[in-house]
Amino acid sequence: MGKHALKLFLSLYLSISFTSCTKNANSIGNNLIDGNELVGDTYIDRSVTAFNVVDSVVTSKLAFALVGAYNDATFGVIKNSFAIEPNLPISGFDFGSSAKVDSVVLTLPYLGRNQIVDSGDSTITVANFNTDSIYGGINNMKLPINLKISLLDKTIDDNTVYYSNEEFVLGQELYSTENFAPLSNAKTDGSLIKLEESKFRVPFTYFNTQTNREEKDSIPNVRFKLNTNFFQDLVDDDYNYFNSNSDLLTKFKGLVLSTESSDGSVYSFNMTDKASVVIYYKNNADKKVKKYTFNFSNESDIINSYKFIRTTSGTDLDRAITKPDSIKGEEKLYIQGMAGVGVGIKLFNKENLIDSLTKNNWLINQATLKISIADKNIDVNSLPQSLSLRTFNDGLVLMDELAEQYSFGGILDKDEMCYKFRITRYIHQVINNKYTNYKLLLESKSPNSSFDKVIVNGNKSAKNPLVLEIKYTEVK
């Protein structure tokens, strides 16, 4: 075992021993290093460099879909659109003789995360749709957008990985409105929302103490009445497109929801929870209205596309993302979800670190990357509650996170207004040649779906710069 590797082994052993045993520190030192005196201290490594990076992320085969537009004062405009591919619930379906399509309805359930709340007699599980399903607006007022629903004119390939910069090929338009604002109980150009705004936060499943049984409530969703002409042609055609899913996709490749708005709100939908297109029809054999349903299940292909329009020419953000200084680093760093902006971090010169370890007789007990919020007066509720740190080139989870997920960090420290990552194991791996590229990627926790945005201090910041803190034991 090399000298530096041995020191790292001893340092990790010391760290574990001090936190898991009550044994006297002096006796531990005696056993390990022949009774030499141990002196603990902290070294601040300011050789870290950090710079902004912009890249696309995988946005296909996801459980959610986003559509809308939002204009951020710092980051500019983001436009969201998505494409969905239908699935046949029944192969070989026959609509009957002279079937007439009465109406076609697209239903999209809103996205909401479960929360446990007190209902008085008991606790119930609810979904906070108002927080999770709509983003943007002014003073909590959600702004309308223009919305268009079109046929997808290019088949989604199951074997292709799609990214956030995907450009959809649009076919026939099936629905449009200039004022899509679904937080009302009224009809808006054919779109409906099932629940009033006051009922936007509703239970999924809860225990009714009066009936003494579990009951399920409705999930808020929006419904669109689509143009029936295309679907009537689909039913009338001599070729039965409903024989199989592959037959269907030759004619009905999917739907695209998009907007041309430059500001408004962004809407999030749960595509795995009863998202569907329903064809209501009649035929000669039975004059009653029947229905046929296309589902968008986990097997469906769902692709999100994010388009950024930077209206920030000449600003610090514009320079940071168009001409990042990857050699000397930056004063400010910008982080934005949905494949917007991330941060590349180069920690140190490996040989210099090894040289410091061997010359100074250091045993590394803990290494922490500290990233401070640029604006200390910002509302903490507007900040991401956590960030992600992975390897730069291949996006791998660090061993520190795999081994100790909760102590790894990345959680917003509201007292110090910073994010901290404990990366002791990563440093150990670098020294032992596990990685040849010593860069890390700092980004939103969910880069393919999150609305997170934050400005943090870079390594060139005069106050509270991005640094690597190394707690070590020096052997005298």
Protein backbone atom coordinates (compact mmCIF):
# COMPACT_ATOMS: atom_id res chain seq x y z
CA MET A 1 0.00 0.00 0.00
CA GLY A 2 1.40 3.45 -0.94
CA LYS A 3 2.17 6.02 1.73
CA HIS A 4 -0.65 8.38 0.74
CA ALA A 5 -3.15 5.53 0.47
CA LEU A 6 -2.16 4.33 3.95
CA LYS A 7 -2.70 7.79 5.36
CA LEU A 8 -6.16 8.02 3.84
CA PHE A 9 -7.01 4.60 5.22
CA LEU A 10 -5.91 5.67 8.69
CA SER A 11 -7.81 8.94 8.42
CA LEU A 12 -11.05 7.20 7.53
CA TYR A 13 -10.44 4.67 10.30
CA LEU A 14 -9.95 7.50 12.77
CA SER A 15 -13.11 9.26 11.65
CA ILE A 16 -15.20 6.11 12.08
CA SER A 17 -13.59 5.25 15.42
CA PHE A 18 -14.16 8.67 16.95
CA THR A 19 -17.85 8.63 16.06
CA SER A 20 -18.68 5.02 16.84
CA CYS A 21 -16.66 4.19 19.98
CA THR A 22 -16.13 5.54 23.47
CA LYS A 23 -12.53 4.42 23.53
CA ASN A 24 -9.97 7.03 24.63
CA ALA A 25 -8.48 8.97 21.71
CA ASN A 26 -4.93 8.63 23.01
CA SER A 27 -5.14 4.85 23.11
CA ILE A 28 -6.49 4.81 19.56
CA GLY A 29 -3.55 6.95 18.47
CA ASN A 30 -1.08 4.74 20.26
CA ASN A 31 -2.37 1.64 18.55
CA LEU A 32 -2.30 3.22 15.11
CA ILE A 33 0.80 5.35 14.91
CA ASP A 34 3.21 4.32 17.66
CA GLY A 35 2.11 6.91 20.21
CA ASN A 36 2.88 10.03 18.14
CA GLU A 37 0.94 13.16 19.15
CA LEU A 38 -2.21 13.91 17.11
CA VAL A 39 -3.19 17.54 16.39
CA GLY A 40 -6.52 18.32 14.69
CA ASP A 41 -7.14 21.35 12.49
CA THR A 42 -9.03 22.57 9.40
CA TYR A 43 -7.48 23.46 6.06
CA ILE A 44 -9.39 25.69 3.61
CA ASP A 45 -8.53 24.81 0.03
CA ARG A 46 -9.13 27.90 -2.13
CA SER A 47 -7.73 26.35 -5.30
CA VAL A 48 -11.21 25.13 -6.23
CA THR A 49 -12.47 26.52 -9.55
CA ALA A 50 -16.12 26.59 -10.59
CA PHE A 51 -17.83 27.63 -13.82
CA ASN A 52 -21.26 27.43 -15.43
CA VAL A 53 -22.27 24.72 -17.91
CA VAL A 54 -25.40 24.40 -20.05
CA ASP A 55 -26.52 21.00 -21.27
CA SER A 56 -29.58 18.96 -22.17
CA VAL A 57 -30.93 16.08 -20.08
CA VAL A 58 -32.92 12.95 -20.84
CA THR A 59 -36.65 13.78 -20.88
CA SER A 60 -38.23 10.70 -22.47
CA LYS A 61 -40.30 7.96 -20.80
CA LEU A 62 -41.08 10.12 -17.78
CA ALA A 63 -44.14 9.94 -15.55
CA PHE A 64 -44.90 13.65 -15.82
CA ALA A 65 -45.38 16.23 -18.56
CA LEU A 66 -44.98 20.03 -18.54
CA VAL A 67 -46.50 22.73 -20.73
CA GLY A 68 -46.44 26.51 -20.40
CA ALA A 69 -44.15 29.52 -20.29
CA TYR A 70 -42.51 31.58 -17.58
CA ASN A 71 -40.35 34.71 -17.77
CA ASP A 72 -37.82 34.90 -14.95
CA ALA A 73 -36.21 38.28 -14.29
CA THR A 74 -32.75 36.70 -14.00
CA PHE A 75 -32.81 33.57 -16.15
CA GLY A 76 -35.12 34.69 -18.98
CA VAL A 77 -37.97 32.80 -20.66
CA ILE A 78 -38.52 29.07 -20.53
CA LYS A 79 -41.14 27.38 -22.73
CA ASN A 80 -42.29 23.86 -22.00
CA SER A 81 -44.00 21.48 -24.39
CA PHE A 82 -44.50 17.73 -24.48
CA ALA A 83 -45.43 14.88 -26.80
CA ILE A 84 -47.35 11.76 -25.81
CA GLU A 85 -47.93 8.50 -27.66
CA PRO A 86 -51.21 6.54 -27.24
CA ASN A 87 -51.65 2.88 -26.38
CA LEU A 88 -54.50 0.61 -27.47
CA PRO A 89 -56.31 -0.92 -24.49
CA ILE A 90 -57.92 -3.55 -26.76
CA SER A 91 -56.52 -4.92 -30.03
CA GLY A 92 -58.84 -5.59 -32.95
CA PHE A 93 -61.60 -3.27 -31.72
CA ASP A 94 -64.57 -2.65 -34.06
CA PHE A 95 -66.63 0.54 -33.76
CA GLY A 96 -69.52 -1.08 -35.61
CA SER A 97 -71.45 -0.10 -38.73
CA SER A 98 -71.51 3.61 -39.71
CA ALA A 99 -69.98 4.74 -36.44
CA LYS A 100 -70.34 8.46 -35.81
CA VAL A 101 -67.86 10.22 -33.51
CA ASP A 102 -69.78 12.49 -31.16
CA SER A 103 -66.88 14.05 -29.25
CA VAL A 104 -63.27 13.45 -28.27
CA VAL A 105 -61.94 14.44 -24.84
CA LEU A 106 -58.33 14.59 -23.64
CA THR A 107 -58.03 14.31 -19.84
CA LEU A 108 -54.83 15.23 -18.00
CA PRO A 109 -54.58 14.80 -14.19
CA TYR A 110 -52.53 17.40 -12.37
CA LEU A 111 -49.30 16.43 -10.65
CA GLY A 112 -49.28 16.47 -6.84
CA ARG A 113 -47.10 15.04 -4.10
CA ASN A 114 -48.68 13.24 -1.16
CA GLN A 115 -48.58 14.96 2.23
CA ILE A 116 -49.85 13.84 5.63
CA VAL A 117 -52.17 16.35 7.32
CA ASP A 118 -54.42 16.37 10.37
CA SER A 119 -58.13 16.17 9.48
CA GLY A 120 -59.36 16.54 13.05
CA ASP A 121 -60.34 13.00 14.01
CA SER A 122 -57.44 11.42 12.14
CA THR A 123 -54.67 12.08 9.67
CA ILE A 124 -55.24 11.81 5.92
CA THR A 125 -52.98 11.67 2.90
CA VAL A 126 -53.44 14.63 0.58
CA ALA A 127 -51.76 15.91 -2.55
CA ASN A 128 -50.67 19.53 -2.72
CA PHE A 129 -51.64 20.19 -6.33
CA ASN A 130 -51.55 23.96 -5.96
CA THR A 131 -47.82 23.84 -5.13
CA ASP A 132 -46.67 21.07 -7.40
CA SER A 133 -48.81 21.38 -10.50
CA ILE A 134 -48.57 25.06 -11.42
CA TYR A 135 -45.48 27.28 -11.42
CA GLY A 136 -45.14 30.96 -12.22
CA GLY A 137 -47.39 33.97 -12.13
CA ILE A 138 -47.27 37.12 -10.01
CA ASN A 139 -48.05 37.24 -6.29
CA ASN A 140 -49.46 33.69 -6.42
CA MET A 141 -51.82 34.66 -9.26
CA LYS A 142 -51.40 32.16 -12.07
CA LEU A 143 -51.17 33.89 -15.45
CA PRO A 144 -52.91 32.41 -18.53
CA ILE A 145 -51.07 31.10 -21.57
CA ASN A 146 -52.05 30.38 -25.14
CA LEU A 147 -52.22 26.64 -25.61
CA LYS A 148 -52.22 24.47 -28.70
CA ILE A 149 -52.82 20.73 -29.05
CA SER A 150 -51.62 19.20 -32.33
CA LEU A 151 -51.09 15.80 -33.84
CA LEU A 152 -47.52 14.54 -33.61
CA ASP A 153 -46.25 14.09 -37.16
CA LYS A 154 -43.20 11.95 -36.42
CA THR A 155 -43.20 8.54 -34.77
CA ILE A 156 -41.57 8.25 -31.36
CA ASP A 157 -38.90 5.55 -31.53
CA ASP A 158 -38.95 3.26 -28.48
CA ASN A 159 -35.23 2.61 -28.86
CA THR A 160 -34.23 6.28 -28.99
CA VAL A 161 -33.29 8.38 -25.99
CA TYR A 162 -34.79 11.87 -26.30
CA TYR A 163 -33.39 15.01 -24.70
CA SER A 164 -34.80 18.29 -23.43
CA ASN A 165 -33.88 20.19 -26.61
CA GLU A 166 -36.08 17.97 -28.82
CA GLU A 167 -37.99 19.78 -31.59
CA PHE A 168 -41.41 18.24 -32.27
CA VAL A 169 -42.86 17.92 -35.79
CA LEU A 170 -46.44 19.19 -35.59
CA GLY A 171 -49.35 17.97 -37.68
CA GLN A 172 -53.03 18.94 -37.73
CA GLU A 173 -54.19 21.26 -34.95
CA LEU A 174 -56.91 19.73 -32.76
CA TYR A 175 -57.40 22.45 -30.14
CA SER A 176 -56.26 25.97 -29.33
CA THR A 177 -57.04 28.74 -26.90
CA GLU A 178 -55.50 32.14 -26.23
CA ASN A 179 -56.44 32.16 -22.55
CA PHE A 180 -55.76 28.86 -20.84
CA ALA A 181 -56.16 29.48 -17.11
CA PRO A 182 -57.71 26.41 -15.53
CA LEU A 183 -57.97 27.64 -11.94
CA SER A 184 -61.69 28.29 -12.27
CA ASN A 185 -64.82 26.21 -12.34
CA ALA A 186 -66.02 27.72 -15.60
CA LYS A 187 -65.63 26.50 -19.16
CA THR A 188 -62.74 28.15 -20.96
CA ASP A 189 -62.81 27.51 -24.70
CA GLY A 190 -63.68 23.87 -24.16
CA SER A 191 -61.31 23.22 -21.26
CA LEU A 192 -62.67 22.25 -17.85
CA ILE A 193 -61.21 21.71 -14.43
CA LYS A 194 -63.08 19.32 -12.17
CA LEU A 195 -62.58 21.16 -8.90
CA GLU A 196 -62.77 24.73 -7.72
CA GLU A 197 -59.60 26.49 -6.57
CA SER A 198 -60.75 26.19 -2.96
CA LYS A 199 -60.78 22.41 -3.43
CA PHE A 200 -57.52 22.25 -5.31
CA ARG A 201 -55.85 20.45 -2.41
CA VAL A 202 -57.79 17.21 -2.11
CA PRO A 203 -57.25 13.74 -0.59
CA PHE A 204 -56.19 10.75 -2.64
CA THR A 205 -57.25 8.04 -0.21
CA TYR A 206 -58.40 8.64 3.35
CA PHE A 207 -60.20 6.87 6.20
CA ASN A 208 -63.74 8.15 6.73
CA THR A 209 -64.47 7.96 10.47
CA GLN A 210 -68.24 8.18 9.88
CA THR A 211 -68.53 5.34 7.38
CA ASN A 212 -65.61 3.48 9.01
CA ARG A 213 -63.95 2.70 5.67
CA GLU A 214 -61.36 3.98 3.22
CA GLU A 215 -62.63 6.29 0.50
CA LYS A 216 -61.02 7.80 -2.56
CA ASP A 217 -61.54 11.36 -3.71
CA SER A 218 -61.21 12.78 -7.21
CA ILE A 219 -57.87 14.01 -8.51
CA PRO A 220 -58.01 17.48 -10.09
CA ASN A 221 -57.67 17.29 -13.84
CA VAL A 222 -58.23 19.34 -16.94
CA ARG A 223 -60.30 18.21 -19.95
CA PHE A 224 -59.97 19.39 -23.54
CA LYS A 225 -62.56 18.82 -26.28
CA LEU A 226 -60.55 17.99 -29.41
CA ASN A 227 -61.55 18.46 -33.03
CA THR A 228 -63.40 15.29 -34.09
CA ASN A 229 -62.56 15.30 -37.83
CA PHE A 230 -59.29 13.40 -37.51
CA PHE A 231 -60.79 10.77 -35.24
CA GLN A 232 -63.83 10.34 -37.52
CA ASP A 233 -61.43 9.67 -40.41
CA LEU A 234 -59.57 7.21 -38.19
CA VAL A 235 -62.80 5.30 -37.53
CA ASP A 236 -64.14 5.54 -41.12
CA ASP A 237 -60.99 4.33 -42.89
CA ASP A 238 -61.31 0.96 -44.62
CA TYR A 239 -58.07 -0.07 -42.94
CA ASN A 240 -58.66 -0.97 -39.29
CA TYR A 241 -56.04 1.02 -37.41
CA PHE A 242 -57.30 -0.55 -34.19
CA ASN A 243 -55.99 -4.02 -35.03
CA SER A 244 -52.78 -3.40 -33.08
CA ASN A 245 -50.74 -0.63 -31.52
CA SER A 246 -48.28 -0.64 -34.43
CA ASP A 247 -51.19 -0.22 -36.86
CA LEU A 248 -52.55 2.69 -34.83
CA LEU A 249 -49.21 4.52 -34.77
CA THR A 250 -48.99 4.60 -38.55
CA LYS A 251 -51.94 7.01 -38.49
CA PHE A 252 -52.17 8.38 -34.92
CA LYS A 253 -48.57 8.97 -33.81
CA GLY A 254 -49.46 11.02 -30.76
CA LEU A 255 -50.29 14.48 -29.47
CA VAL A 256 -48.17 17.56 -28.77
CA LEU A 257 -49.15 20.25 -26.24
CA SER A 258 -47.28 23.51 -26.79
CA THR A 259 -47.44 27.26 -26.27
CA GLU A 260 -46.20 30.38 -28.02
CA SER A 261 -46.56 32.52 -24.89
CA SER A 262 -43.49 34.29 -23.53
CA ASP A 263 -44.81 34.52 -19.98
CA GLY A 264 -47.54 33.00 -17.86
CA SER A 265 -47.50 29.75 -15.89
CA VAL A 266 -46.16 26.22 -16.37
CA TYR A 267 -48.54 23.30 -15.76
CA SER A 268 -47.42 19.84 -14.61
CA PHE A 269 -49.46 16.70 -15.34
CA ASN A 270 -49.26 13.16 -13.97
CA MET A 271 -49.31 11.02 -17.12
CA THR A 272 -49.58 7.70 -15.30
CA ASP A 273 -52.74 8.49 -13.34
CA LYS A 274 -55.74 8.17 -15.71
CA ALA A 275 -54.39 10.43 -18.46
CA SER A 276 -56.43 9.49 -21.52
CA VAL A 277 -58.15 10.34 -24.79
CA VAL A 278 -61.77 9.17 -24.95
CA ILE A 279 -63.71 8.85 -28.21
CA TYR A 280 -67.48 9.09 -27.64
CA TYR A 281 -69.44 7.56 -30.55
CA LYS A 282 -72.67 5.96 -31.78
CA ASN A 283 -73.29 3.28 -34.41
CA ASN A 284 -76.30 1.85 -36.29
CA ALA A 285 -76.61 -1.20 -34.04
CA ASP A 286 -77.02 0.83 -30.87
CA LYS A 287 -77.99 4.50 -30.74
CA LYS A 288 -76.59 4.88 -27.24
CA VAL A 289 -73.35 6.81 -26.86
CA LYS A 290 -70.39 4.52 -26.24
CA LYS A 291 -66.79 5.33 -25.52
CA TYR A 292 -63.36 4.05 -26.51
CA THR A 293 -60.35 5.07 -24.40
CA PHE A 294 -56.67 5.49 -25.29
CA ASN A 295 -54.51 5.41 -22.17
CA PHE A 296 -51.11 6.95 -21.49
CA SER A 297 -49.59 4.41 -19.14
CA ASN A 298 -46.00 3.66 -18.16
CA GLU A 299 -45.59 1.95 -21.52
CA SER A 300 -46.41 5.14 -23.37
CA ASP A 301 -43.67 7.34 -24.68
CA ILE A 302 -43.70 10.78 -23.07
CA ILE A 303 -41.15 13.39 -24.18
CA ASN A 304 -40.69 16.80 -22.55
CA SER A 305 -39.03 19.64 -24.44
CA TYR A 306 -37.65 22.81 -22.85
CA LYS A 307 -36.79 25.91 -24.84
CA PHE A 308 -34.84 28.71 -23.19
CA ILE A 309 -34.93 32.27 -24.51
CA ARG A 310 -32.24 34.28 -22.76
CA THR A 311 -33.32 37.92 -22.72
CA THR A 312 -30.29 38.78 -20.64
CA SER A 313 -27.72 39.82 -23.27
CA GLY A 314 -24.71 41.57 -21.76
CA THR A 315 -25.51 40.56 -18.18
CA ASP A 316 -23.37 38.51 -15.78
CA LEU A 317 -25.60 35.50 -16.51
CA ASP A 318 -25.13 35.88 -20.26
CA ARG A 319 -21.35 35.99 -19.97
CA ALA A 320 -21.25 33.18 -17.40
CA ILE A 321 -23.11 30.72 -19.64
CA THR A 322 -21.80 31.81 -23.06
CA LYS A 323 -18.16 32.40 -22.09
CA PRO A 324 -17.54 30.52 -18.84
CA ASP A 325 -14.05 30.75 -17.39
CA SER A 326 -13.25 27.09 -16.77
CA ILE A 327 -9.61 27.91 -15.89
CA LYS A 328 -9.87 30.62 -13.24
CA GLY A 329 -13.53 30.16 -12.29
CA GLU A 330 -16.30 32.69 -11.65
CA GLU A 331 -17.47 35.21 -9.05
CA LYS A 332 -21.12 34.10 -9.31
CA LEU A 333 -22.61 30.78 -10.37
CA TYR A 334 -26.11 30.17 -11.72
CA ILE A 335 -28.18 27.00 -11.24
CA GLN A 336 -31.51 26.37 -13.00
CA GLY A 337 -33.54 23.20 -13.35
CA MET A 338 -35.00 21.65 -16.52
CA ALA A 339 -31.62 21.46 -18.27
CA GLY A 340 -31.06 25.16 -17.81
CA VAL A 341 -27.75 25.86 -16.11
CA GLY A 342 -25.46 23.81 -13.87
CA VAL A 343 -22.00 24.27 -12.35
CA GLY A 344 -18.79 22.44 -13.13
CA ILE A 345 -16.38 22.22 -10.19
CA LYS A 346 -12.68 21.32 -10.35
CA LEU A 347 -11.58 20.64 -6.82
CA PHE A 348 -7.80 20.53 -6.73
CA ASN A 349 -4.53 19.44 -8.22
CA LYS A 350 -4.17 15.82 -7.18
CA GLU A 351 -0.38 15.86 -6.94
CA ASN A 352 -0.42 19.00 -4.80
CA LEU A 353 -2.86 17.38 -2.41
CA ILE A 354 -0.77 14.22 -2.11
CA ASP A 355 2.31 16.37 -1.57
CA SER A 356 0.58 18.23 1.29
CA LEU A 357 -0.52 14.95 2.86
CA THR A 358 2.94 13.41 2.86
CA LYS A 359 5.00 16.49 3.76
CA ASN A 360 2.71 17.66 6.57
CA ASN A 361 1.79 14.21 7.87
CA TRP A 362 -1.92 14.89 7.43
CA LEU A 363 -4.63 12.34 7.91
CA ILE A 364 -7.87 13.54 6.29
CA ASN A 365 -10.82 13.02 8.62
CA GLN A 366 -13.47 14.90 6.66
CA ALA A 367 -13.71 16.88 3.41
CA THR A 368 -16.65 19.24 2.86
CA LEU A 369 -17.52 21.32 -0.19
CA LYS A 370 -19.19 24.55 0.94
CA ILE A 371 -21.29 26.63 -1.49
CA SER A 372 -22.78 29.89 -0.17
CA ILE A 373 -25.90 31.71 -1.39
CA ALA A 374 -24.93 34.94 -3.17
CA ASP A 375 -27.80 37.01 -1.77
CA LYS A 376 -28.05 36.49 1.99
CA ASN A 377 -31.26 38.56 2.14
CA ILE A 378 -33.21 36.41 -0.31
CA ASP A 379 -36.39 34.68 0.86
CA VAL A 380 -35.24 31.19 1.89
CA ASN A 381 -38.58 29.74 0.76
CA SER A 382 -37.70 30.66 -2.83
CA LEU A 383 -34.47 28.65 -2.75
CA PRO A 384 -34.02 24.99 -3.68
CA GLN A 385 -34.15 22.93 -0.50
CA SER A 386 -31.40 20.69 -1.83
CA LEU A 387 -28.96 20.39 -4.73
CA SER A 388 -27.27 17.44 -6.44
CA LEU A 389 -23.53 16.73 -6.77
CA ARG A 390 -22.27 14.03 -9.15
CA THR A 391 -19.27 13.24 -11.32
CA PHE A 392 -18.93 15.69 -14.20
CA ASN A 393 -18.45 13.48 -17.26
CA ASP A 394 -20.69 10.52 -16.56
CA GLY A 395 -23.12 11.80 -13.92
CA LEU A 396 -22.36 9.01 -11.43
CA VAL A 397 -23.54 9.18 -7.83
CA LEU A 398 -20.62 9.76 -5.45
CA MET A 399 -19.62 6.97 -3.09
CA ASP A 400 -20.22 9.35 -0.16
CA GLU A 401 -23.91 9.61 -1.07
CA LEU A 402 -24.25 5.87 -1.64
CA ALA A 403 -22.64 5.04 1.70
CA GLU A 404 -24.23 7.75 3.86
CA GLN A 405 -27.13 9.38 2.07
CA TYR A 406 -28.28 11.53 4.99
CA SER A 407 -24.86 12.79 6.06
CA PHE A 408 -23.76 13.42 2.46
CA GLY A 409 -25.51 16.78 2.57
CA GLY A 410 -26.66 19.05 -0.22
CA ILE A 411 -29.48 20.33 2.01
CA LEU A 412 -29.93 24.09 2.34
CA ASP A 413 -28.48 25.31 5.64
CA LYS A 414 -30.84 28.19 6.44
CA ASP A 415 -28.66 29.51 9.26
CA GLU A 416 -25.45 29.77 7.26
CA MET A 417 -27.31 30.23 3.93
CA CYS A 418 -25.25 27.65 2.12
CA TYR A 419 -25.16 24.08 0.79
CA LYS A 420 -22.59 21.61 2.13
CA PHE A 421 -21.51 18.28 0.65
CA ARG A 422 -19.38 15.79 2.58
CA ILE A 423 -17.08 14.19 0.00
CA THR A 424 -14.38 12.46 2.07
CA ARG A 425 -14.72 9.15 0.24
CA TYR A 426 -14.53 10.89 -3.14
CA ILE A 427 -11.23 12.51 -2.15
CA HIS A 428 -9.97 9.08 -1.11
CA GLN A 429 -10.97 7.64 -4.50
CA VAL A 430 -9.24 10.44 -6.40
CA ILE A 431 -5.99 9.90 -4.53
CA ASN A 432 -6.17 6.19 -5.25
CA ASN A 433 -6.68 6.78 -8.99
CA LYS A 434 -10.37 5.84 -9.08
CA TYR A 435 -11.02 9.01 -11.10
CA THR A 436 -8.67 10.63 -13.60
CA ASN A 437 -10.92 13.65 -14.15
CA TYR A 438 -11.43 15.52 -10.90
CA LYS A 439 -14.51 17.50 -11.88
CA LEU A 440 -17.93 17.43 -10.28
CA LEU A 441 -21.32 18.65 -11.53
CA LEU A 442 -23.52 20.74 -9.22
CA GLU A 443 -27.11 21.02 -10.39
CA SER A 444 -30.78 20.92 -9.48
CA LYS A 445 -31.87 17.82 -7.56
CA SER A 446 -34.24 16.91 -10.41
CA PRO A 447 -32.64 18.55 -13.47
CA ASN A 448 -35.18 17.14 -15.94
CA SER A 449 -38.26 18.44 -14.13
CA SER A 450 -37.45 20.93 -11.38
CA PHE A 451 -38.22 24.65 -11.41
CA ASP A 452 -35.30 25.23 -9.02
CA LYS A 453 -33.15 28.31 -9.50
CA VAL A 454 -30.45 29.84 -7.34
CA ILE A 455 -27.36 32.07 -7.58
CA VAL A 456 -24.39 31.01 -5.46
CA ASN A 457 -20.93 32.39 -4.87
CA GLY A 458 -18.11 31.13 -7.06
CA ASN A 459 -14.49 30.63 -6.13
CA LYS A 460 -13.64 34.23 -7.15
CA SER A 461 -16.23 35.80 -4.81
CA ALA A 462 -14.64 38.27 -2.39
CA LYS A 463 -16.97 37.14 0.39
CA ASN A 464 -17.88 33.56 1.29
CA PRO A 465 -16.36 31.97 -1.84
CA LEU A 466 -16.90 28.35 -2.83
CA VAL A 467 -14.25 26.35 -0.95
CA LEU A 468 -13.24 22.83 0.06
CA GLU A 469 -12.85 22.47 3.83
CA ILE A 470 -10.56 19.64 4.93
CA LYS A 471 -10.55 18.57 8.58
CA TYR A 472 -7.35 16.68 9.23
CA THR A 473 -5.22 15.20 11.95
CA GLU A 474 -1.52 16.08 11.87
CA VAL A 475 0.91 13.51 13.19
CA LYS A 476 3.67 15.25 15.16
